[in-house]
Amino acid sequence: MWSSRAPTVNNIPISSREYGNANGGNIIYASGIRIIYNRNGIIELRANQLYDFDQIQQNKVKIISVDQALQSVIKYYDQIILIDPLEITNMNLEYLPTIYTSDRSKYLMKPVWNVTISLKEDSNSIVAEHLIDATTGELIE
């Protein structure tokens, strides 16, 4: 058996996606804890990219509504010619860690709406995730 858990800030999960550019030095690796165990106890314990919360910059911000975030997704897909309908299968508020200082010692936890879209073409299903800045409504590329 195994268990996996993403870290949280104020009960809001920190995104477990890796993004950025390794060549540009701004890559952010996925964060999380994974435990594999059986009836005899723990077999493996992994903790990746855990953040020192004393070194995290947090600002109080106003979060846009679910409807406003969905309008950003609709605006994005209005620019694409689609034959088959899209289905929003999941939407969560998360924190996206972003580098706050050039020496990578501090991070800013940016609130984002993580929207999962499913598009069914014939017998294939395509799944896409989109991150929407939860303060501005802008799509994060």
N, C-alpha and C. Protein backbone atom coordinates (compact mmCIF):
# COMPACT_ATOMS: atom_id res chain seq x y z
N MET A 1 0.83 -1.17 0.00
CA MET A 1 0.00 0.00 0.00
C MET A 1 0.88 1.24 0.00
N TRP A 2 0.29 2.34 -0.43
CA TRP A 2 1.04 3.58 -0.41
C TRP A 2 0.09 4.74 -0.15
N SER A 3 0.67 5.82 0.27
CA SER A 3 -0.08 7.03 0.53
C SER A 3 0.76 8.20 0.04
N SER A 4 0.09 9.18 -0.53
CA SER A 4 0.79 10.36 -1.03
C SER A 4 0.03 11.59 -0.58
N ARG A 5 0.77 12.63 -0.17
CA ARG A 5 0.10 13.83 0.32
C ARG A 5 0.89 15.05 -0.12
N ALA A 6 0.15 16.02 -0.63
CA ALA A 6 0.77 17.30 -1.00
C ALA A 6 0.76 18.21 0.22
N PRO A 7 1.81 19.00 0.38
CA PRO A 7 1.82 19.94 1.50
C PRO A 7 0.77 21.04 1.29
N THR A 8 0.39 21.70 2.37
CA THR A 8 -0.61 22.75 2.30
C THR A 8 -0.13 24.00 3.03
N VAL A 9 -0.73 25.13 2.68
CA VAL A 9 -0.58 26.38 3.41
C VAL A 9 -1.99 26.85 3.71
N ASN A 10 -2.30 27.05 4.98
CA ASN A 10 -3.65 27.45 5.38
C ASN A 10 -4.72 26.51 4.80
N ASN A 11 -4.43 25.23 4.79
CA ASN A 11 -5.33 24.18 4.28
C ASN A 11 -5.60 24.26 2.78
N ILE A 12 -4.80 25.02 2.05
CA ILE A 12 -4.89 25.06 0.59
C ILE A 12 -3.68 24.31 0.05
N PRO A 13 -3.90 23.29 -0.81
CA PRO A 13 -2.76 22.50 -1.29
C PRO A 13 -1.78 23.31 -2.12
N ILE A 14 -0.52 22.93 -2.03
CA ILE A 14 0.53 23.49 -2.89
C ILE A 14 0.57 22.63 -4.14
N SER A 15 0.55 23.26 -5.29
CA SER A 15 0.54 22.55 -6.56
C SER A 15 1.68 21.55 -6.64
N SER A 16 1.39 20.36 -7.14
CA SER A 16 2.41 19.32 -7.24
C SER A 16 2.96 19.22 -8.66
N ARG A 17 2.72 20.25 -9.45
CA ARG A 17 3.23 20.21 -10.82
C ARG A 17 4.63 20.81 -10.89
N GLU A 18 5.44 20.28 -11.80
CA GLU A 18 6.75 20.85 -12.07
C GLU A 18 6.58 21.80 -13.25
N TYR A 19 7.20 22.96 -13.15
CA TYR A 19 7.11 23.91 -14.25
C TYR A 19 8.34 24.80 -14.24
N GLY A 20 8.48 25.57 -15.29
CA GLY A 20 9.63 26.47 -15.40
C GLY A 20 10.62 25.95 -16.41
N ASN A 21 11.81 26.53 -16.38
CA ASN A 21 12.84 26.21 -17.36
C ASN A 21 14.14 25.94 -16.63
N ALA A 22 14.64 24.71 -16.74
CA ALA A 22 15.89 24.36 -16.06
C ALA A 22 17.06 25.19 -16.58
N ASN A 23 17.08 25.47 -17.88
CA ASN A 23 18.16 26.27 -18.46
C ASN A 23 18.12 27.71 -17.96
N GLY A 24 16.92 28.21 -17.70
CA GLY A 24 16.78 29.58 -17.21
C GLY A 24 16.94 29.69 -15.71
N GLY A 25 17.07 28.54 -15.04
CA GLY A 25 17.28 28.54 -13.59
C GLY A 25 16.03 28.84 -12.79
N ASN A 26 14.86 28.76 -13.42
CA ASN A 26 13.64 29.07 -12.68
C ASN A 26 12.70 27.88 -12.55
N ILE A 27 13.24 26.68 -12.66
CA ILE A 27 12.40 25.49 -12.55
C ILE A 27 11.96 25.29 -11.10
N ILE A 28 10.71 24.90 -10.95
CA ILE A 28 10.13 24.56 -9.65
C ILE A 28 9.77 23.08 -9.71
N TYR A 29 10.32 22.31 -8.80
CA TYR A 29 10.06 20.88 -8.78
C TYR A 29 8.84 20.57 -7.94
N ALA A 30 8.17 19.46 -8.25
CA ALA A 30 6.98 19.05 -7.52
C ALA A 30 7.31 18.80 -6.05
N SER A 31 6.37 19.15 -5.20
CA SER A 31 6.55 19.00 -3.77
C SER A 31 5.60 17.92 -3.27
N GLY A 32 6.05 17.14 -2.32
CA GLY A 32 5.15 16.14 -1.76
C GLY A 32 5.86 15.13 -0.89
N ILE A 33 5.06 14.35 -0.22
CA ILE A 33 5.54 13.28 0.65
C ILE A 33 4.87 11.99 0.20
N ARG A 34 5.65 10.94 0.05
CA ARG A 34 5.10 9.64 -0.36
C ARG A 34 5.60 8.56 0.58
N ILE A 35 4.70 7.73 1.04
CA ILE A 35 5.04 6.64 1.96
C ILE A 35 4.54 5.33 1.35
N ILE A 36 5.42 4.35 1.29
CA ILE A 36 5.03 3.00 0.88
C ILE A 36 5.20 2.12 2.11
N TYR A 37 4.15 1.36 2.41
CA TYR A 37 4.18 0.56 3.63
C TYR A 37 3.39 -0.73 3.44
N ASN A 38 3.65 -1.67 4.32
CA ASN A 38 2.87 -2.91 4.37
C ASN A 38 2.59 -3.22 5.83
N ARG A 39 2.10 -4.40 6.12
CA ARG A 39 1.73 -4.72 7.51
C ARG A 39 2.93 -4.76 8.45
N ASN A 40 4.15 -4.87 7.89
CA ASN A 40 5.35 -4.89 8.73
C ASN A 40 5.91 -3.49 9.00
N GLY A 41 5.34 -2.48 8.34
CA GLY A 41 5.80 -1.12 8.59
C GLY A 41 6.16 -0.39 7.31
N ILE A 42 6.90 0.69 7.45
CA ILE A 42 7.27 1.55 6.33
C ILE A 42 8.38 0.88 5.51
N ILE A 43 8.16 0.82 4.21
CA ILE A 43 9.15 0.28 3.28
C ILE A 43 9.97 1.43 2.69
N GLU A 44 9.29 2.51 2.36
CA GLU A 44 9.97 3.65 1.74
C GLU A 44 9.26 4.94 2.13
N LEU A 45 10.05 5.97 2.37
CA LEU A 45 9.53 7.30 2.68
C LEU A 45 10.28 8.30 1.83
N ARG A 46 9.55 9.09 1.03
CA ARG A 46 10.17 10.10 0.19
C ARG A 46 9.55 11.46 0.49
N ALA A 47 10.39 12.46 0.64
CA ALA A 47 9.94 13.84 0.82
C ALA A 47 10.70 14.69 -0.19
N ASN A 48 9.97 15.29 -1.11
CA ASN A 48 10.59 16.07 -2.18
C ASN A 48 10.19 17.54 -2.10
N GLN A 49 11.17 18.42 -2.31
CA GLN A 49 10.96 19.86 -2.43
C GLN A 49 10.02 20.40 -1.35
N LEU A 50 10.38 20.14 -0.10
CA LEU A 50 9.59 20.67 1.00
C LEU A 50 10.03 22.11 1.26
N TYR A 51 9.10 22.97 1.55
CA TYR A 51 9.38 24.39 1.70
C TYR A 51 9.54 24.77 3.17
N ASP A 52 10.49 25.65 3.43
CA ASP A 52 10.67 26.22 4.77
C ASP A 52 9.66 27.36 4.88
N PHE A 53 8.60 27.13 5.63
CA PHE A 53 7.52 28.10 5.65
C PHE A 53 7.90 29.41 6.34
N ASP A 54 9.03 29.44 7.04
CA ASP A 54 9.54 30.71 7.55
C ASP A 54 10.14 31.54 6.42
N GLN A 55 10.44 30.88 5.31
CA GLN A 55 11.07 31.56 4.17
C GLN A 55 10.09 31.76 3.02
N ILE A 56 8.80 31.72 3.31
CA ILE A 56 7.79 31.89 2.27
C ILE A 56 7.11 33.24 2.46
N GLN A 57 7.10 34.03 1.41
CA GLN A 57 6.44 35.33 1.42
C GLN A 57 4.96 35.11 1.14
N GLN A 58 4.10 35.59 2.02
CA GLN A 58 2.67 35.48 1.81
C GLN A 58 2.05 36.87 1.89
N ASN A 59 1.26 37.19 0.93
CA ASN A 59 0.55 38.46 0.90
C ASN A 59 -0.94 38.19 0.97
N LYS A 60 -1.68 39.06 1.62
CA LYS A 60 -3.14 38.93 1.63
C LYS A 60 -3.66 39.51 0.32
N VAL A 61 -4.43 38.70 -0.39
CA VAL A 61 -4.94 39.10 -1.70
C VAL A 61 -6.41 38.72 -1.80
N LYS A 62 -7.12 39.36 -2.71
CA LYS A 62 -8.51 39.03 -2.99
C LYS A 62 -8.55 37.99 -4.11
N ILE A 63 -9.26 36.91 -3.88
CA ILE A 63 -9.36 35.80 -4.83
C ILE A 63 -10.57 36.03 -5.74
N ILE A 64 -10.38 35.81 -7.05
CA ILE A 64 -11.51 35.92 -7.98
C ILE A 64 -12.46 34.74 -7.78
N SER A 65 -13.68 34.89 -8.23
CA SER A 65 -14.68 33.83 -8.08
C SER A 65 -14.42 32.69 -9.07
N VAL A 66 -15.09 31.58 -8.82
CA VAL A 66 -15.03 30.43 -9.73
C VAL A 66 -15.52 30.86 -11.11
N ASP A 67 -16.61 31.63 -11.16
CA ASP A 67 -17.16 32.08 -12.44
C ASP A 67 -16.16 32.93 -13.21
N GLN A 68 -15.45 33.82 -12.53
CA GLN A 68 -14.45 34.65 -13.20
C GLN A 68 -13.31 33.79 -13.75
N ALA A 69 -12.88 32.80 -12.99
CA ALA A 69 -11.81 31.90 -13.46
C ALA A 69 -12.28 31.11 -14.68
N LEU A 70 -13.52 30.65 -14.65
CA LEU A 70 -14.05 29.90 -15.79
C LEU A 70 -14.16 30.77 -17.04
N GLN A 71 -14.44 32.05 -16.87
CA GLN A 71 -14.49 32.96 -18.02
C GLN A 71 -13.12 33.03 -18.72
N SER A 72 -12.04 32.95 -17.94
CA SER A 72 -10.70 32.94 -18.53
C SER A 72 -10.48 31.69 -19.38
N VAL A 73 -10.97 30.57 -18.90
CA VAL A 73 -10.84 29.31 -19.65
C VAL A 73 -11.69 29.39 -20.92
N ILE A 74 -12.92 29.90 -20.80
CA ILE A 74 -13.81 30.04 -21.97
C ILE A 74 -13.17 30.96 -23.00
N LYS A 75 -12.61 32.07 -22.56
CA LYS A 75 -11.95 33.02 -23.47
C LYS A 75 -10.80 32.33 -24.22
N TYR A 76 -10.03 31.50 -23.51
CA TYR A 76 -8.92 30.77 -24.14
C TYR A 76 -9.44 29.84 -25.23
N TYR A 77 -10.48 29.06 -24.93
CA TYR A 77 -10.98 28.08 -25.89
C TYR A 77 -11.83 28.72 -26.98
N ASP A 78 -12.31 29.94 -26.80
CA ASP A 78 -13.02 30.63 -27.87
C ASP A 78 -12.12 30.91 -29.07
N GLN A 79 -10.81 30.91 -28.85
CA GLN A 79 -9.84 31.18 -29.92
C GLN A 79 -9.47 29.92 -30.70
N ILE A 80 -10.01 28.78 -30.28
CA ILE A 80 -9.68 27.49 -30.89
C ILE A 80 -10.94 26.91 -31.53
N ILE A 81 -10.80 26.41 -32.76
CA ILE A 81 -11.94 25.78 -33.42
C ILE A 81 -12.06 24.35 -32.90
N LEU A 82 -13.17 24.09 -32.22
CA LEU A 82 -13.42 22.76 -31.66
C LEU A 82 -14.72 22.21 -32.24
N ILE A 83 -14.71 20.93 -32.55
CA ILE A 83 -15.92 20.27 -33.04
C ILE A 83 -16.65 19.61 -31.88
N ASP A 84 -15.89 18.98 -30.99
CA ASP A 84 -16.49 18.26 -29.88
C ASP A 84 -16.53 19.15 -28.63
N PRO A 85 -17.50 18.91 -27.77
CA PRO A 85 -17.63 19.75 -26.57
C PRO A 85 -16.54 19.45 -25.53
N LEU A 86 -16.25 20.46 -24.73
CA LEU A 86 -15.32 20.33 -23.61
C LEU A 86 -16.11 20.06 -22.34
N GLU A 87 -15.47 19.37 -21.42
CA GLU A 87 -16.08 19.15 -20.12
C GLU A 87 -15.07 19.53 -19.04
N ILE A 88 -15.48 20.36 -18.11
CA ILE A 88 -14.62 20.69 -16.97
C ILE A 88 -14.82 19.57 -15.95
N THR A 89 -13.76 18.83 -15.68
CA THR A 89 -13.87 17.66 -14.81
C THR A 89 -13.40 17.93 -13.39
N ASN A 90 -12.63 19.00 -13.20
CA ASN A 90 -12.13 19.30 -11.85
C ASN A 90 -11.68 20.75 -11.80
N MET A 91 -11.84 21.34 -10.62
CA MET A 91 -11.37 22.72 -10.41
C MET A 91 -11.02 22.88 -8.95
N ASN A 92 -9.78 23.27 -8.68
CA ASN A 92 -9.30 23.41 -7.31
C ASN A 92 -8.56 24.72 -7.14
N LEU A 93 -8.64 25.28 -5.94
CA LEU A 93 -7.81 26.40 -5.58
C LEU A 93 -6.53 25.84 -4.99
N GLU A 94 -5.38 26.27 -5.51
CA GLU A 94 -4.08 25.79 -5.06
C GLU A 94 -3.12 26.96 -4.93
N TYR A 95 -2.00 26.69 -4.28
CA TYR A 95 -0.89 27.64 -4.29
C TYR A 95 0.14 27.14 -5.27
N LEU A 96 0.65 28.04 -6.10
CA LEU A 96 1.72 27.73 -7.04
C LEU A 96 2.99 28.39 -6.52
N PRO A 97 4.00 27.60 -6.12
CA PRO A 97 5.23 28.22 -5.62
C PRO A 97 5.97 28.93 -6.74
N THR A 98 6.38 30.16 -6.48
CA THR A 98 7.18 30.92 -7.44
C THR A 98 8.40 31.46 -6.71
N ILE A 99 9.50 31.54 -7.42
CA ILE A 99 10.75 32.01 -6.82
C ILE A 99 10.60 33.49 -6.47
N TYR A 100 10.91 33.84 -5.24
CA TYR A 100 10.76 35.22 -4.74
C TYR A 100 12.09 35.96 -4.70
N THR A 101 13.19 35.22 -4.49
CA THR A 101 14.52 35.84 -4.46
C THR A 101 15.43 35.13 -5.45
N SER A 102 16.40 35.84 -5.97
CA SER A 102 17.27 35.27 -7.00
C SER A 102 18.12 34.12 -6.49
N ASP A 103 18.37 34.06 -5.19
CA ASP A 103 19.17 32.95 -4.66
C ASP A 103 18.31 31.73 -4.31
N ARG A 104 17.03 31.78 -4.66
CA ARG A 104 16.07 30.68 -4.46
C ARG A 104 15.87 30.34 -2.99
N SER A 105 16.15 31.27 -2.10
CA SER A 105 15.98 30.99 -0.67
C SER A 105 14.56 31.31 -0.20
N LYS A 106 13.83 32.10 -0.98
CA LYS A 106 12.46 32.45 -0.59
C LYS A 106 11.52 32.23 -1.77
N TYR A 107 10.31 31.84 -1.44
CA TYR A 107 9.28 31.58 -2.43
C TYR A 107 8.05 32.40 -2.11
N LEU A 108 7.29 32.71 -3.15
CA LEU A 108 5.99 33.34 -3.00
C LEU A 108 4.96 32.28 -3.38
N MET A 109 3.96 32.08 -2.55
CA MET A 109 2.90 31.13 -2.86
C MET A 109 1.78 31.91 -3.54
N LYS A 110 1.69 31.73 -4.86
CA LYS A 110 0.70 32.44 -5.67
C LYS A 110 -0.59 31.61 -5.74
N PRO A 111 -1.73 32.17 -5.35
CA PRO A 111 -2.99 31.41 -5.45
C PRO A 111 -3.41 31.27 -6.92
N VAL A 112 -3.77 30.06 -7.30
CA VAL A 112 -4.21 29.77 -8.67
C VAL A 112 -5.43 28.85 -8.64
N TRP A 113 -6.26 28.99 -9.65
CA TRP A 113 -7.31 28.01 -9.90
C TRP A 113 -6.74 26.99 -10.87
N ASN A 114 -6.74 25.73 -10.50
CA ASN A 114 -6.29 24.64 -11.36
C ASN A 114 -7.53 24.02 -11.99
N VAL A 115 -7.69 24.19 -13.30
CA VAL A 115 -8.88 23.73 -14.00
C VAL A 115 -8.50 22.58 -14.92
N THR A 116 -9.17 21.44 -14.77
CA THR A 116 -8.93 20.28 -15.62
C THR A 116 -10.06 20.17 -16.64
N ILE A 117 -9.68 20.07 -17.90
CA ILE A 117 -10.62 20.00 -19.02
C ILE A 117 -10.48 18.65 -19.70
N SER A 118 -11.60 18.07 -20.10
CA SER A 118 -11.58 16.82 -20.87
C SER A 118 -12.27 17.07 -22.20
N LEU A 119 -11.61 16.65 -23.27
CA LEU A 119 -12.15 16.76 -24.62
C LEU A 119 -12.19 15.37 -25.20
N LYS A 120 -13.37 14.95 -25.61
CA LYS A 120 -13.51 13.62 -26.20
C LYS A 120 -13.60 13.76 -27.71
N GLU A 121 -12.61 13.21 -28.41
CA GLU A 121 -12.60 13.17 -29.87
C GLU A 121 -12.73 11.72 -30.31
N ASP A 122 -13.81 11.40 -30.96
CA ASP A 122 -14.08 10.03 -31.37
C ASP A 122 -13.96 9.11 -30.16
N SER A 123 -13.01 8.18 -30.17
CA SER A 123 -12.83 7.27 -29.04
C SER A 123 -11.69 7.71 -28.12
N ASN A 124 -11.04 8.82 -28.46
CA ASN A 124 -9.92 9.32 -27.65
C ASN A 124 -10.40 10.38 -26.68
N SER A 125 -9.71 10.45 -25.56
CA SER A 125 -10.00 11.49 -24.58
C SER A 125 -8.73 12.26 -24.31
N ILE A 126 -8.80 13.57 -24.43
CA ILE A 126 -7.66 14.44 -24.18
C ILE A 126 -7.93 15.21 -22.90
N VAL A 127 -6.97 15.21 -22.00
CA VAL A 127 -7.11 15.92 -20.73
C VAL A 127 -6.06 17.03 -20.69
N ALA A 128 -6.49 18.23 -20.29
CA ALA A 128 -5.57 19.36 -20.18
C ALA A 128 -5.81 20.06 -18.85
N GLU A 129 -4.73 20.55 -18.27
CA GLU A 129 -4.82 21.36 -17.05
C GLU A 129 -4.46 22.79 -17.39
N HIS A 130 -5.20 23.71 -16.82
CA HIS A 130 -4.91 25.13 -16.99
C HIS A 130 -4.82 25.77 -15.62
N LEU A 131 -3.82 26.63 -15.45
CA LEU A 131 -3.69 27.38 -14.22
C LEU A 131 -4.12 28.81 -14.48
N ILE A 132 -5.03 29.31 -13.65
CA ILE A 132 -5.53 30.67 -13.75
C ILE A 132 -5.07 31.41 -12.50
N ASP A 133 -4.40 32.54 -12.69
CA ASP A 133 -4.00 33.37 -11.54
C ASP A 133 -5.28 33.76 -10.79
N ALA A 134 -5.37 33.38 -9.53
CA ALA A 134 -6.60 33.57 -8.76
C ALA A 134 -6.76 34.99 -8.26
N THR A 135 -5.82 35.88 -8.60
CA THR A 135 -5.98 37.29 -8.23
C THR A 135 -6.29 38.16 -9.44
N THR A 136 -5.82 37.74 -10.63
CA THR A 136 -6.01 38.56 -11.82
C THR A 136 -6.93 37.92 -12.86
N GLY A 137 -7.09 36.59 -12.83
CA GLY A 137 -7.88 35.89 -13.83
C GLY A 137 -7.09 35.57 -15.08
N GLU A 138 -5.81 35.89 -15.11
CA GLU A 138 -4.97 35.62 -16.28
C GLU A 138 -4.57 34.15 -16.34
N LEU A 139 -4.55 33.61 -17.54
CA LEU A 139 -4.08 32.25 -17.77
C LEU A 139 -2.58 32.22 -17.61
N ILE A 140 -2.06 31.28 -16.83
CA ILE A 140 -0.61 31.13 -16.65
C ILE A 140 -0.14 30.11 -17.66
N GLU A 141 0.74 30.52 -18.56
CA GLU A 141 1.23 29.65 -19.64
C GLU A 141 2.38 28.81 -19.16
